[in-house]
Each structure stands twice: as C-alpha cells, then as structure tokens.
Amino acid sequence: MQEYRISELEVGHSESFASVITAEMMEQFLAISGDVNPLHLNEPYAKAQGLKGRVVYGMLTASFYSTLVGVHLPGKFSLLHSIEIQFSKPVFVGDALIINGKVSEVDERFRHIVVKAGIKNQNGESISRAKIKIGLLHE
C-alpha cells in the first residue's frame, strides 16, 4: 500500500495495477449487490443480445477505481470525495484489466487532488474512464 502525502504528489504522477475478472468475482458481486439482471447471469440471454457472453457488472469494474485510490494513488491517506465514470466497452469473465491513474490537479491548501483514471482490457481497448476527486488526510 502506498502512503503518499499531499506534499509528495505532483501533476503527472501516475500509478497502475492489473486484475483478471473471475467467475468468483461475479458471484461475490451478485451476493453483495443483488443485481440479478440476466445480462450478468445468463449466458444464452447475453448471447441472444449480441454479446459474446455474460457481461461483467459495470460497478464491479468501477470498484477498481476505489482500489486505485485507496491502495495505489495516493493510498493510505486518501478519502474519495467524488467520481465521474464513463463506460465505453463491456467486460467479460476472463478479461485482464489494467487500471491506471494520473494526478491532474494538486491543491495543497485544501488538501485534495484530482486523478484522471482509466481501465483498459487485454487488447488495449478502453473500457472506462474516470475523474476522481480525493481528499488527503493528515498523517
């Protein structure tokens, strides 16, 4: 876990990590969210809609933005204030995702940063983008 302090961050600083989506993640997200939409659960239904298989929950993939903030950028001293997300492509079980973020604003006076983030799949295709506002706690 990173422990960046506001004084250590500057515009352009970036961090990234990877994750592979598993069927177990889908089951766990279903148990937590209760989202029973057949696009996520029923392979034949999803294929009948023109998709290659069950679609991974968008909010499951978006949860990696929380991991980005809470573990990688800035890490331990972060408090997520807001997030704006745009989804651009569906994700499927087995997809390998790269989650990255780059600091676009630093405000030491009010102790907050803005991170522009994105997630790409194993083919380098963007599946979502986000603008994340983060407060930094006192150490």
N, C-alpha and C. Protein backbone atom coordinates (compact mmCIF):
# COMPACT_ATOMS: atom_id res chain seq x y z
N MET A 1 0.84 -1.18 0.00
CA MET A 1 0.00 0.00 0.00
C MET A 1 0.89 1.25 0.00
N GLN A 2 0.55 2.17 -0.91
CA GLN A 2 1.28 3.44 -0.96
C GLN A 2 0.84 4.33 0.20
N GLU A 3 1.71 5.28 0.55
CA GLU A 3 1.40 6.23 1.62
C GLU A 3 1.79 7.64 1.20
N TYR A 4 1.38 8.02 -0.02
CA TYR A 4 1.72 9.36 -0.50
C TYR A 4 1.05 10.43 0.34
N ARG A 5 1.82 11.45 0.64
CA ARG A 5 1.29 12.63 1.33
C ARG A 5 1.10 13.72 0.29
N ILE A 6 0.28 14.71 0.59
CA ILE A 6 -0.02 15.77 -0.37
C ILE A 6 1.25 16.43 -0.88
N SER A 7 2.25 16.61 -0.01
CA SER A 7 3.50 17.26 -0.41
C SER A 7 4.33 16.41 -1.37
N GLU A 8 4.03 15.13 -1.47
CA GLU A 8 4.79 14.23 -2.34
C GLU A 8 4.17 14.05 -3.72
N LEU A 9 2.99 14.62 -3.92
CA LEU A 9 2.28 14.42 -5.18
C LEU A 9 2.38 15.65 -6.07
N GLU A 10 2.53 15.39 -7.35
CA GLU A 10 2.57 16.48 -8.32
C GLU A 10 1.82 16.05 -9.59
N VAL A 11 1.40 17.04 -10.35
CA VAL A 11 0.70 16.76 -11.60
C VAL A 11 1.58 15.86 -12.47
N GLY A 12 0.98 14.82 -13.00
CA GLY A 12 1.69 13.87 -13.86
C GLY A 12 2.09 12.59 -13.16
N HIS A 13 2.06 12.58 -11.83
CA HIS A 13 2.39 11.36 -11.09
C HIS A 13 1.36 10.29 -11.44
N SER A 14 1.82 9.07 -11.74
CA SER A 14 0.88 8.02 -12.12
C SER A 14 1.20 6.70 -11.41
N GLU A 15 0.18 5.90 -11.30
CA GLU A 15 0.28 4.55 -10.73
C GLU A 15 -0.67 3.65 -11.51
N SER A 16 -0.37 2.34 -11.53
CA SER A 16 -1.27 1.40 -12.19
C SER A 16 -1.15 0.02 -11.54
N PHE A 17 -2.15 -0.81 -11.80
CA PHE A 17 -2.13 -2.20 -11.36
C PHE A 17 -3.02 -3.01 -12.29
N ALA A 18 -2.95 -4.32 -12.17
CA ALA A 18 -3.71 -5.21 -13.06
C ALA A 18 -4.62 -6.12 -12.25
N SER A 19 -5.68 -6.58 -12.91
CA SER A 19 -6.59 -7.55 -12.30
C SER A 19 -7.26 -8.36 -13.41
N VAL A 20 -7.50 -9.64 -13.14
CA VAL A 20 -8.22 -10.51 -14.07
C VAL A 20 -9.59 -10.79 -13.47
N ILE A 21 -10.63 -10.61 -14.28
CA ILE A 21 -12.00 -10.82 -13.81
C ILE A 21 -12.30 -12.33 -13.78
N THR A 22 -12.79 -12.80 -12.64
CA THR A 22 -13.10 -14.22 -12.48
C THR A 22 -14.60 -14.43 -12.26
N ALA A 23 -15.05 -15.66 -12.47
CA ALA A 23 -16.44 -16.02 -12.20
C ALA A 23 -16.73 -15.84 -10.71
N GLU A 24 -15.76 -16.11 -9.86
CA GLU A 24 -15.95 -15.93 -8.42
C GLU A 24 -16.22 -14.46 -8.07
N MET A 25 -15.53 -13.53 -8.74
CA MET A 25 -15.80 -12.11 -8.51
C MET A 25 -17.25 -11.78 -8.86
N MET A 26 -17.73 -12.36 -9.97
CA MET A 26 -19.11 -12.12 -10.38
C MET A 26 -20.08 -12.64 -9.33
N GLU A 27 -19.82 -13.83 -8.79
CA GLU A 27 -20.68 -14.42 -7.76
C GLU A 27 -20.68 -13.56 -6.50
N GLN A 28 -19.51 -13.09 -6.10
CA GLN A 28 -19.41 -12.26 -4.91
C GLN A 28 -20.13 -10.93 -5.10
N PHE A 29 -19.99 -10.34 -6.29
CA PHE A 29 -20.67 -9.07 -6.54
C PHE A 29 -22.18 -9.26 -6.54
N LEU A 30 -22.66 -10.36 -7.12
CA LEU A 30 -24.08 -10.68 -7.09
C LEU A 30 -24.58 -10.77 -5.65
N ALA A 31 -23.82 -11.47 -4.81
CA ALA A 31 -24.22 -11.63 -3.40
C ALA A 31 -24.28 -10.28 -2.68
N ILE A 32 -23.38 -9.39 -3.01
CA ILE A 32 -23.35 -8.07 -2.35
C ILE A 32 -24.43 -7.16 -2.91
N SER A 33 -24.57 -7.12 -4.22
CA SER A 33 -25.43 -6.12 -4.86
C SER A 33 -26.88 -6.58 -5.05
N GLY A 34 -27.10 -7.87 -5.22
CA GLY A 34 -28.44 -8.36 -5.52
C GLY A 34 -28.88 -8.07 -6.95
N ASP A 35 -27.96 -7.66 -7.81
CA ASP A 35 -28.27 -7.34 -9.21
C ASP A 35 -28.44 -8.64 -9.99
N VAL A 36 -29.69 -8.98 -10.30
CA VAL A 36 -29.99 -10.24 -10.98
C VAL A 36 -30.31 -10.04 -12.48
N ASN A 37 -29.87 -8.93 -13.05
CA ASN A 37 -30.09 -8.69 -14.47
C ASN A 37 -29.52 -9.88 -15.25
N PRO A 38 -30.31 -10.48 -16.17
CA PRO A 38 -29.85 -11.66 -16.90
C PRO A 38 -28.62 -11.43 -17.78
N LEU A 39 -28.33 -10.18 -18.13
CA LEU A 39 -27.10 -9.92 -18.90
C LEU A 39 -25.86 -10.38 -18.12
N HIS A 40 -25.95 -10.34 -16.79
CA HIS A 40 -24.82 -10.71 -15.94
C HIS A 40 -24.82 -12.19 -15.55
N LEU A 41 -25.99 -12.84 -15.65
CA LEU A 41 -26.14 -14.18 -15.09
C LEU A 41 -26.41 -15.28 -16.12
N ASN A 42 -26.98 -14.92 -17.24
CA ASN A 42 -27.49 -15.91 -18.18
C ASN A 42 -26.76 -15.82 -19.51
N GLU A 43 -25.84 -16.74 -19.74
CA GLU A 43 -25.01 -16.74 -20.95
C GLU A 43 -25.85 -16.76 -22.23
N PRO A 44 -26.83 -17.69 -22.37
CA PRO A 44 -27.64 -17.68 -23.60
C PRO A 44 -28.38 -16.36 -23.82
N TYR A 45 -28.90 -15.78 -22.74
CA TYR A 45 -29.59 -14.50 -22.87
C TYR A 45 -28.64 -13.42 -23.36
N ALA A 46 -27.44 -13.33 -22.76
CA ALA A 46 -26.46 -12.32 -23.17
C ALA A 46 -26.07 -12.50 -24.64
N LYS A 47 -25.86 -13.75 -25.05
CA LYS A 47 -25.50 -14.02 -26.44
C LYS A 47 -26.64 -13.65 -27.39
N ALA A 48 -27.88 -13.88 -26.97
CA ALA A 48 -29.03 -13.51 -27.79
C ALA A 48 -29.12 -11.99 -27.98
N GLN A 49 -28.47 -11.24 -27.08
CA GLN A 49 -28.45 -9.78 -27.19
C GLN A 49 -27.26 -9.29 -28.03
N GLY A 50 -26.51 -10.25 -28.61
CA GLY A 50 -25.38 -9.89 -29.48
C GLY A 50 -24.05 -9.75 -28.76
N LEU A 51 -24.00 -10.21 -27.52
CA LEU A 51 -22.76 -10.13 -26.75
C LEU A 51 -22.05 -11.47 -26.79
N LYS A 52 -20.75 -11.47 -26.49
CA LYS A 52 -20.01 -12.74 -26.57
C LYS A 52 -20.18 -13.62 -25.34
N GLY A 53 -20.82 -13.10 -24.32
CA GLY A 53 -21.06 -13.86 -23.09
C GLY A 53 -21.66 -12.96 -22.03
N ARG A 54 -21.70 -13.49 -20.79
CA ARG A 54 -22.23 -12.69 -19.68
C ARG A 54 -21.39 -11.43 -19.52
N VAL A 55 -22.07 -10.31 -19.33
CA VAL A 55 -21.38 -9.03 -19.14
C VAL A 55 -21.03 -8.86 -17.67
N VAL A 56 -19.79 -8.49 -17.40
CA VAL A 56 -19.36 -8.22 -16.03
C VAL A 56 -20.07 -6.95 -15.55
N TYR A 57 -20.48 -6.95 -14.29
CA TYR A 57 -21.11 -5.79 -13.69
C TYR A 57 -20.22 -4.56 -13.88
N GLY A 58 -20.80 -3.47 -14.40
CA GLY A 58 -20.03 -2.24 -14.56
C GLY A 58 -19.48 -1.74 -13.24
N MET A 59 -20.28 -1.85 -12.19
CA MET A 59 -19.81 -1.36 -10.89
C MET A 59 -18.75 -2.27 -10.28
N LEU A 60 -18.68 -3.52 -10.71
CA LEU A 60 -17.57 -4.37 -10.29
C LEU A 60 -16.27 -3.82 -10.88
N THR A 61 -16.29 -3.51 -12.18
CA THR A 61 -15.07 -2.95 -12.78
C THR A 61 -14.78 -1.58 -12.18
N ALA A 62 -15.82 -0.78 -11.91
CA ALA A 62 -15.62 0.55 -11.33
C ALA A 62 -15.04 0.47 -9.93
N SER A 63 -15.26 -0.65 -9.23
CA SER A 63 -14.71 -0.78 -7.87
C SER A 63 -13.18 -0.74 -7.89
N PHE A 64 -12.58 -1.03 -9.04
CA PHE A 64 -11.12 -0.94 -9.13
C PHE A 64 -10.64 0.50 -9.01
N TYR A 65 -11.50 1.47 -9.29
CA TYR A 65 -11.12 2.87 -9.07
C TYR A 65 -10.95 3.13 -7.57
N SER A 66 -11.78 2.48 -6.75
CA SER A 66 -11.61 2.59 -5.30
C SER A 66 -10.27 1.99 -4.88
N THR A 67 -9.92 0.85 -5.46
CA THR A 67 -8.62 0.23 -5.16
C THR A 67 -7.48 1.14 -5.59
N LEU A 68 -7.62 1.75 -6.76
CA LEU A 68 -6.59 2.67 -7.25
C LEU A 68 -6.34 3.76 -6.21
N VAL A 69 -7.42 4.38 -5.73
CA VAL A 69 -7.31 5.48 -4.79
C VAL A 69 -6.84 5.01 -3.41
N GLY A 70 -7.45 3.97 -2.89
CA GLY A 70 -7.19 3.55 -1.52
C GLY A 70 -5.90 2.79 -1.31
N VAL A 71 -5.35 2.23 -2.39
CA VAL A 71 -4.14 1.42 -2.26
C VAL A 71 -2.94 2.02 -3.00
N HIS A 72 -3.19 2.59 -4.19
CA HIS A 72 -2.08 2.98 -5.06
C HIS A 72 -1.86 4.48 -5.19
N LEU A 73 -2.91 5.28 -5.33
CA LEU A 73 -2.73 6.70 -5.62
C LEU A 73 -3.87 7.51 -5.02
N PRO A 74 -3.71 8.08 -3.85
CA PRO A 74 -2.49 8.20 -3.07
C PRO A 74 -2.26 7.09 -2.05
N GLY A 75 -3.29 6.25 -1.80
CA GLY A 75 -3.11 5.16 -0.85
C GLY A 75 -3.67 5.45 0.52
N LYS A 76 -2.90 5.10 1.52
CA LYS A 76 -3.34 5.09 2.92
C LYS A 76 -4.03 6.37 3.39
N PHE A 77 -3.60 7.53 2.94
CA PHE A 77 -4.13 8.79 3.47
C PHE A 77 -5.27 9.38 2.64
N SER A 78 -5.88 8.55 1.78
CA SER A 78 -6.90 9.06 0.86
C SER A 78 -8.32 8.94 1.42
N LEU A 79 -9.15 9.86 0.95
CA LEU A 79 -10.58 9.82 1.23
C LEU A 79 -11.27 10.23 -0.08
N LEU A 80 -11.90 9.27 -0.74
CA LEU A 80 -12.53 9.53 -2.03
C LEU A 80 -13.71 10.48 -1.84
N HIS A 81 -13.69 11.62 -2.54
CA HIS A 81 -14.76 12.61 -2.43
C HIS A 81 -15.82 12.44 -3.50
N SER A 82 -15.38 12.23 -4.76
CA SER A 82 -16.35 12.04 -5.83
C SER A 82 -15.68 11.33 -7.00
N ILE A 83 -16.53 10.75 -7.84
CA ILE A 83 -16.03 10.06 -9.02
C ILE A 83 -17.06 10.18 -10.14
N GLU A 84 -16.58 10.52 -11.31
CA GLU A 84 -17.40 10.55 -12.52
C GLU A 84 -16.85 9.47 -13.45
N ILE A 85 -17.70 8.55 -13.87
CA ILE A 85 -17.25 7.42 -14.69
C ILE A 85 -18.04 7.37 -16.00
N GLN A 86 -17.32 7.11 -17.09
CA GLN A 86 -17.94 6.85 -18.38
C GLN A 86 -17.51 5.45 -18.81
N PHE A 87 -18.48 4.59 -19.07
CA PHE A 87 -18.22 3.23 -19.55
C PHE A 87 -18.25 3.23 -21.07
N SER A 88 -17.31 2.52 -21.70
CA SER A 88 -17.25 2.55 -23.16
C SER A 88 -17.32 1.17 -23.83
N LYS A 89 -16.96 0.11 -23.12
CA LYS A 89 -17.00 -1.25 -23.68
C LYS A 89 -17.38 -2.23 -22.59
N PRO A 90 -18.08 -3.30 -22.95
CA PRO A 90 -18.38 -4.32 -21.95
C PRO A 90 -17.13 -5.13 -21.58
N VAL A 91 -17.18 -5.71 -20.40
CA VAL A 91 -16.10 -6.56 -19.89
C VAL A 91 -16.70 -7.95 -19.69
N PHE A 92 -15.87 -8.98 -19.90
CA PHE A 92 -16.33 -10.36 -19.78
C PHE A 92 -15.42 -11.13 -18.83
N VAL A 93 -15.95 -12.20 -18.24
CA VAL A 93 -15.16 -13.05 -17.35
C VAL A 93 -13.92 -13.51 -18.11
N GLY A 94 -12.78 -13.41 -17.45
CA GLY A 94 -11.51 -13.79 -18.06
C GLY A 94 -10.73 -12.60 -18.60
N ASP A 95 -11.38 -11.44 -18.75
CA ASP A 95 -10.66 -10.26 -19.24
C ASP A 95 -9.60 -9.84 -18.23
N ALA A 96 -8.44 -9.46 -18.77
CA ALA A 96 -7.34 -8.94 -17.95
C ALA A 96 -7.36 -7.42 -18.07
N LEU A 97 -7.52 -6.76 -16.95
CA LEU A 97 -7.67 -5.30 -16.95
C LEU A 97 -6.44 -4.62 -16.38
N ILE A 98 -6.10 -3.48 -16.96
CA ILE A 98 -5.06 -2.60 -16.43
C ILE A 98 -5.76 -1.33 -15.98
N ILE A 99 -5.58 -1.00 -14.71
CA ILE A 99 -6.20 0.18 -14.13
C ILE A 99 -5.10 1.19 -13.89
N ASN A 100 -5.24 2.40 -14.43
CA ASN A 100 -4.19 3.39 -14.21
C ASN A 100 -4.79 4.74 -13.88
N GLY A 101 -4.02 5.52 -13.16
CA GLY A 101 -4.44 6.86 -12.78
C GLY A 101 -3.28 7.81 -12.82
N LYS A 102 -3.59 9.07 -13.15
CA LYS A 102 -2.57 10.11 -13.22
C LYS A 102 -3.10 11.36 -12.55
N VAL A 103 -2.30 11.95 -11.68
CA VAL A 103 -2.69 13.17 -10.99
C VAL A 103 -2.79 14.30 -12.01
N SER A 104 -3.96 14.97 -12.03
CA SER A 104 -4.14 16.10 -12.95
C SER A 104 -4.23 17.45 -12.22
N GLU A 105 -4.49 17.40 -10.91
CA GLU A 105 -4.54 18.63 -10.11
C GLU A 105 -4.07 18.31 -8.69
N VAL A 106 -3.36 19.28 -8.09
CA VAL A 106 -2.97 19.16 -6.68
C VAL A 106 -3.29 20.50 -6.02
N ASP A 107 -4.03 20.46 -4.93
CA ASP A 107 -4.35 21.67 -4.18
C ASP A 107 -3.91 21.44 -2.73
N GLU A 108 -2.70 21.89 -2.42
CA GLU A 108 -2.16 21.68 -1.07
C GLU A 108 -2.94 22.46 -0.02
N ARG A 109 -3.45 23.62 -0.40
CA ARG A 109 -4.18 24.45 0.57
C ARG A 109 -5.40 23.72 1.11
N PHE A 110 -6.19 23.09 0.21
CA PHE A 110 -7.39 22.38 0.62
C PHE A 110 -7.17 20.87 0.74
N ARG A 111 -5.93 20.43 0.54
CA ARG A 111 -5.53 19.04 0.72
C ARG A 111 -6.35 18.07 -0.15
N HIS A 112 -6.46 18.41 -1.43
CA HIS A 112 -7.13 17.47 -2.32
C HIS A 112 -6.40 17.40 -3.67
N ILE A 113 -6.63 16.28 -4.35
CA ILE A 113 -6.07 16.07 -5.68
C ILE A 113 -7.19 15.59 -6.60
N VAL A 114 -6.94 15.71 -7.89
CA VAL A 114 -7.82 15.13 -8.90
C VAL A 114 -6.98 14.14 -9.69
N VAL A 115 -7.53 12.94 -9.87
CA VAL A 115 -6.86 11.89 -10.63
C VAL A 115 -7.72 11.57 -11.85
N LYS A 116 -7.11 11.60 -13.02
CA LYS A 116 -7.77 11.12 -14.24
C LYS A 116 -7.36 9.65 -14.36
N ALA A 117 -8.34 8.79 -14.47
CA ALA A 117 -8.07 7.35 -14.44
C ALA A 117 -8.73 6.65 -15.61
N GLY A 118 -8.27 5.45 -15.88
CA GLY A 118 -8.86 4.66 -16.94
C GLY A 118 -8.60 3.19 -16.74
N ILE A 119 -9.43 2.39 -17.38
CA ILE A 119 -9.26 0.94 -17.35
C ILE A 119 -9.25 0.46 -18.80
N LYS A 120 -8.25 -0.36 -19.12
CA LYS A 120 -8.15 -0.96 -20.45
C LYS A 120 -8.16 -2.47 -20.32
N ASN A 121 -8.66 -3.14 -21.35
CA ASN A 121 -8.66 -4.60 -21.35
C ASN A 121 -7.35 -5.14 -21.96
N GLN A 122 -7.26 -6.45 -22.07
CA GLN A 122 -6.05 -7.11 -22.55
C GLN A 122 -5.71 -6.74 -24.00
N ASN A 123 -6.66 -6.18 -24.73
CA ASN A 123 -6.43 -5.76 -26.11
C ASN A 123 -6.07 -4.28 -26.21
N GLY A 124 -5.91 -3.63 -25.05
CA GLY A 124 -5.58 -2.21 -25.04
C GLY A 124 -6.77 -1.31 -25.30
N GLU A 125 -7.99 -1.88 -25.26
CA GLU A 125 -9.20 -1.10 -25.51
C GLU A 125 -9.69 -0.47 -24.20
N SER A 126 -10.05 0.78 -24.26
CA SER A 126 -10.58 1.48 -23.09
C SER A 126 -11.96 0.94 -22.76
N ILE A 127 -12.15 0.52 -21.52
CA ILE A 127 -13.49 0.06 -21.11
C ILE A 127 -14.19 1.10 -20.24
N SER A 128 -13.40 2.00 -19.62
CA SER A 128 -14.00 3.11 -18.88
C SER A 128 -12.94 4.17 -18.57
N ARG A 129 -13.47 5.37 -18.28
CA ARG A 129 -12.62 6.49 -17.86
C ARG A 129 -13.27 7.11 -16.63
N ALA A 130 -12.44 7.75 -15.80
CA ALA A 130 -12.99 8.37 -14.60
C ALA A 130 -12.20 9.62 -14.22
N LYS A 131 -12.92 10.54 -13.59
CA LYS A 131 -12.31 11.71 -12.96
C LYS A 131 -12.62 11.56 -11.48
N ILE A 132 -11.55 11.48 -10.67
CA ILE A 132 -11.72 11.18 -9.25
C ILE A 132 -11.17 12.33 -8.41
N LYS A 133 -12.00 12.86 -7.51
CA LYS A 133 -11.56 13.89 -6.57
C LYS A 133 -11.29 13.22 -5.23
N ILE A 134 -10.12 13.50 -4.68
CA ILE A 134 -9.65 12.79 -3.49
C ILE A 134 -9.13 13.78 -2.46
N GLY A 135 -9.60 13.63 -1.23
CA GLY A 135 -9.03 14.39 -0.13
C GLY A 135 -7.90 13.59 0.49
N LEU A 136 -6.91 14.30 1.01
CA LEU A 136 -5.81 13.63 1.69
C LEU A 136 -5.87 13.94 3.17
N LEU A 137 -5.89 12.91 3.98
CA LEU A 137 -5.95 13.03 5.42
C LEU A 137 -4.60 13.45 5.97
N HIS A 138 -4.61 13.99 7.17
CA HIS A 138 -3.36 14.29 7.84
C HIS A 138 -2.76 12.98 8.31
N GLU A 139 -1.45 12.84 8.17
CA GLU A 139 -0.79 11.59 8.53
C GLU A 139 -0.98 11.29 10.00
